[in-house]
Amino acid sequence: MIDKIKNYIYDPKMSVHIYKNKVNIVNYVEIEHFDSNKVIVSTDDGNITVEGKNLVVSKLLGNEILISGDIKQIELR
């Protein structure tokens, strides 16, 4: 029972949530590259590249970031 509660509260899987002009990445490893046109985030499953204009990175929690701006492309490699 305790393990089920832990897994519910802390899901160790990487996830990407896409909203209008925002991308939320949970359980990432590190931010590899950041400028106003491109953000590259490494995860256990590969790299996520977000391209666009006026990109801003907000660190929400120790393992969660929010990228906002005029997002044109999201790629997982």
N, C-alpha and C. Protein backbone atom coordinates (compact mmCIF):
# COMPACT_ATOMS: atom_id res chain seq x y z
N MET A 1 0.83 -1.19 0.00
CA MET A 1 0.00 0.00 0.00
C MET A 1 0.87 1.25 0.00
N ILE A 2 1.93 1.28 0.83
CA ILE A 2 2.82 2.44 0.91
C ILE A 2 3.50 2.67 -0.44
N ASP A 3 3.93 1.60 -1.12
CA ASP A 3 4.58 1.74 -2.43
C ASP A 3 3.63 2.35 -3.46
N LYS A 4 2.38 1.98 -3.42
CA LYS A 4 1.40 2.55 -4.35
C LYS A 4 1.24 4.05 -4.11
N ILE A 5 1.22 4.44 -2.87
CA ILE A 5 1.10 5.86 -2.54
C ILE A 5 2.34 6.62 -2.99
N LYS A 6 3.53 6.06 -2.76
CA LYS A 6 4.77 6.70 -3.20
C LYS A 6 4.79 6.87 -4.72
N ASN A 7 4.39 5.82 -5.45
CA ASN A 7 4.37 5.90 -6.90
C ASN A 7 3.36 6.91 -7.40
N TYR A 8 2.27 7.07 -6.70
CA TYR A 8 1.26 8.05 -7.09
C TYR A 8 1.79 9.47 -6.86
N ILE A 9 2.42 9.69 -5.73
CA ILE A 9 2.93 11.02 -5.39
C ILE A 9 4.16 11.37 -6.22
N TYR A 10 5.09 10.43 -6.34
CA TYR A 10 6.32 10.67 -7.09
C TYR A 10 6.41 9.69 -8.24
N ASP A 11 6.01 10.14 -9.40
CA ASP A 11 6.10 9.32 -10.60
C ASP A 11 7.46 9.55 -11.23
N PRO A 12 8.36 8.56 -11.24
CA PRO A 12 9.73 8.78 -11.73
C PRO A 12 9.86 8.85 -13.25
N LYS A 13 8.78 8.65 -13.99
CA LYS A 13 8.84 8.68 -15.44
C LYS A 13 8.90 10.11 -15.96
N MET A 14 9.65 10.29 -17.04
CA MET A 14 9.70 11.57 -17.72
C MET A 14 8.38 11.79 -18.43
N SER A 15 7.88 13.00 -18.39
CA SER A 15 6.67 13.31 -19.14
C SER A 15 6.76 14.73 -19.70
N VAL A 16 6.10 14.91 -20.83
CA VAL A 16 6.05 16.20 -21.51
C VAL A 16 4.59 16.57 -21.68
N HIS A 17 4.23 17.77 -21.24
CA HIS A 17 2.87 18.27 -21.36
C HIS A 17 2.92 19.49 -22.26
N ILE A 18 2.15 19.47 -23.35
CA ILE A 18 2.17 20.54 -24.32
C ILE A 18 0.88 21.33 -24.22
N TYR A 19 1.03 22.64 -24.05
CA TYR A 19 -0.10 23.56 -23.97
C TYR A 19 0.12 24.63 -25.04
N LYS A 20 -0.82 25.53 -25.19
CA LYS A 20 -0.66 26.62 -26.14
C LYS A 20 0.49 27.51 -25.67
N ASN A 21 1.54 27.59 -26.49
CA ASN A 21 2.72 28.41 -26.22
C ASN A 21 3.48 28.03 -24.94
N LYS A 22 3.31 26.80 -24.47
CA LYS A 22 4.02 26.33 -23.28
C LYS A 22 4.31 24.84 -23.38
N VAL A 23 5.46 24.44 -22.83
CA VAL A 23 5.82 23.02 -22.74
C VAL A 23 6.31 22.78 -21.32
N ASN A 24 5.71 21.84 -20.64
CA ASN A 24 6.10 21.48 -19.28
C ASN A 24 6.80 20.12 -19.35
N ILE A 25 8.04 20.05 -18.83
CA ILE A 25 8.81 18.81 -18.84
C ILE A 25 9.07 18.40 -17.39
N VAL A 26 8.67 17.18 -17.06
CA VAL A 26 8.80 16.66 -15.70
C VAL A 26 9.82 15.52 -15.70
N ASN A 27 10.65 15.49 -14.67
CA ASN A 27 11.68 14.47 -14.49
C ASN A 27 12.75 14.51 -15.58
N TYR A 28 13.30 15.70 -15.81
CA TYR A 28 14.39 15.87 -16.75
C TYR A 28 15.72 15.71 -16.01
N VAL A 29 16.81 15.55 -16.75
CA VAL A 29 18.14 15.39 -16.16
C VAL A 29 18.82 16.75 -16.05
N GLU A 30 18.96 17.47 -17.18
CA GLU A 30 19.56 18.79 -17.15
C GLU A 30 19.19 19.59 -18.39
N ILE A 31 19.40 20.90 -18.32
CA ILE A 31 19.21 21.78 -19.47
C ILE A 31 20.54 21.84 -20.19
N GLU A 32 20.59 21.31 -21.41
CA GLU A 32 21.82 21.24 -22.19
C GLU A 32 22.13 22.56 -22.87
N HIS A 33 21.09 23.23 -23.39
CA HIS A 33 21.27 24.47 -24.14
C HIS A 33 20.05 25.34 -23.93
N PHE A 34 20.29 26.65 -23.85
CA PHE A 34 19.17 27.58 -23.69
C PHE A 34 19.51 28.92 -24.33
N ASP A 35 18.68 29.35 -25.26
CA ASP A 35 18.68 30.73 -25.74
C ASP A 35 17.25 31.06 -26.14
N SER A 36 17.03 32.24 -26.65
CA SER A 36 15.65 32.68 -26.90
C SER A 36 15.01 31.96 -28.08
N ASN A 37 15.79 31.17 -28.85
CA ASN A 37 15.24 30.46 -30.00
C ASN A 37 15.25 28.94 -29.88
N LYS A 38 16.04 28.41 -28.94
CA LYS A 38 16.13 26.95 -28.81
C LYS A 38 16.46 26.56 -27.37
N VAL A 39 15.77 25.52 -26.89
CA VAL A 39 16.06 24.94 -25.59
C VAL A 39 16.23 23.44 -25.79
N ILE A 40 17.33 22.88 -25.28
CA ILE A 40 17.56 21.44 -25.34
C ILE A 40 17.65 20.92 -23.91
N VAL A 41 16.79 19.96 -23.61
CA VAL A 41 16.71 19.38 -22.27
C VAL A 41 17.02 17.90 -22.38
N SER A 42 17.95 17.40 -21.57
CA SER A 42 18.25 15.96 -21.60
C SER A 42 17.39 15.24 -20.57
N THR A 43 16.99 14.03 -20.96
CA THR A 43 16.19 13.16 -20.09
C THR A 43 16.80 11.76 -20.16
N ASP A 44 16.30 10.87 -19.37
CA ASP A 44 16.76 9.48 -19.42
C ASP A 44 16.38 8.82 -20.75
N ASP A 45 15.37 9.37 -21.44
CA ASP A 45 14.89 8.80 -22.70
C ASP A 45 15.50 9.47 -23.93
N GLY A 46 16.33 10.49 -23.75
CA GLY A 46 16.93 11.20 -24.88
C GLY A 46 16.87 12.70 -24.64
N ASN A 47 17.04 13.47 -25.72
CA ASN A 47 16.98 14.92 -25.62
C ASN A 47 15.68 15.45 -26.19
N ILE A 48 15.15 16.47 -25.55
CA ILE A 48 13.97 17.17 -26.04
C ILE A 48 14.44 18.53 -26.51
N THR A 49 14.17 18.85 -27.78
CA THR A 49 14.53 20.14 -28.34
C THR A 49 13.26 20.93 -28.60
N VAL A 50 13.19 22.13 -28.06
CA VAL A 50 12.07 23.03 -28.26
C VAL A 50 12.61 24.23 -29.03
N GLU A 51 12.00 24.51 -30.20
CA GLU A 51 12.44 25.63 -31.01
C GLU A 51 11.30 26.62 -31.18
N GLY A 52 11.66 27.90 -31.25
CA GLY A 52 10.67 28.94 -31.43
C GLY A 52 11.30 30.30 -31.28
N LYS A 53 10.51 31.27 -30.84
CA LYS A 53 10.99 32.64 -30.64
C LYS A 53 10.60 33.09 -29.24
N ASN A 54 11.44 33.94 -28.68
CA ASN A 54 11.18 34.52 -27.34
C ASN A 54 10.94 33.45 -26.28
N LEU A 55 11.74 32.39 -26.32
CA LEU A 55 11.56 31.30 -25.36
C LEU A 55 12.11 31.71 -23.99
N VAL A 56 11.36 31.35 -22.96
CA VAL A 56 11.73 31.63 -21.58
C VAL A 56 11.61 30.34 -20.80
N VAL A 57 12.60 30.05 -19.95
CA VAL A 57 12.59 28.84 -19.13
C VAL A 57 12.34 29.23 -17.69
N SER A 58 11.34 28.59 -17.08
CA SER A 58 11.04 28.77 -15.66
C SER A 58 11.21 27.43 -14.97
N LYS A 59 12.04 27.40 -13.96
CA LYS A 59 12.21 26.15 -13.20
C LYS A 59 11.13 26.14 -12.13
N LEU A 60 10.24 25.18 -12.21
CA LEU A 60 9.11 25.12 -11.29
C LEU A 60 9.49 24.36 -10.02
N LEU A 61 10.13 23.23 -10.20
CA LEU A 61 10.56 22.39 -9.09
C LEU A 61 11.94 21.84 -9.43
N GLY A 62 12.52 21.06 -8.55
CA GLY A 62 13.82 20.48 -8.81
C GLY A 62 13.86 19.60 -10.04
N ASN A 63 12.73 19.03 -10.42
CA ASN A 63 12.70 18.11 -11.55
C ASN A 63 11.69 18.52 -12.62
N GLU A 64 11.25 19.78 -12.62
CA GLU A 64 10.21 20.21 -13.52
C GLU A 64 10.51 21.61 -14.05
N ILE A 65 10.39 21.79 -15.38
CA ILE A 65 10.57 23.12 -15.96
C ILE A 65 9.41 23.43 -16.89
N LEU A 66 9.21 24.72 -17.11
CA LEU A 66 8.19 25.21 -18.02
C LEU A 66 8.88 26.10 -19.04
N ILE A 67 8.70 25.79 -20.31
CA ILE A 67 9.24 26.60 -21.40
C ILE A 67 8.06 27.30 -22.04
N SER A 68 8.14 28.62 -22.14
CA SER A 68 7.05 29.37 -22.75
C SER A 68 7.60 30.30 -23.81
N GLY A 69 6.75 30.70 -24.73
CA GLY A 69 7.13 31.58 -25.83
C GLY A 69 6.37 31.17 -27.08
N ASP A 70 6.84 31.65 -28.22
CA ASP A 70 6.23 31.32 -29.50
C ASP A 70 6.86 30.02 -30.00
N ILE A 71 6.30 28.89 -29.59
CA ILE A 71 6.88 27.57 -29.86
C ILE A 71 6.48 27.10 -31.25
N LYS A 72 7.50 26.74 -32.03
CA LYS A 72 7.28 26.29 -33.41
C LYS A 72 7.45 24.78 -33.57
N GLN A 73 8.37 24.17 -32.79
CA GLN A 73 8.66 22.76 -32.97
C GLN A 73 9.15 22.13 -31.67
N ILE A 74 8.73 20.89 -31.43
CA ILE A 74 9.19 20.09 -30.29
C ILE A 74 9.66 18.76 -30.84
N GLU A 75 10.86 18.35 -30.46
CA GLU A 75 11.42 17.11 -31.00
C GLU A 75 12.07 16.29 -29.88
N LEU A 76 11.83 14.97 -29.92
CA LEU A 76 12.48 14.04 -28.99
C LEU A 76 13.43 13.17 -29.79
N ARG A 77 14.71 13.16 -29.36
CA ARG A 77 15.73 12.35 -30.06
C ARG A 77 16.36 11.39 -29.08
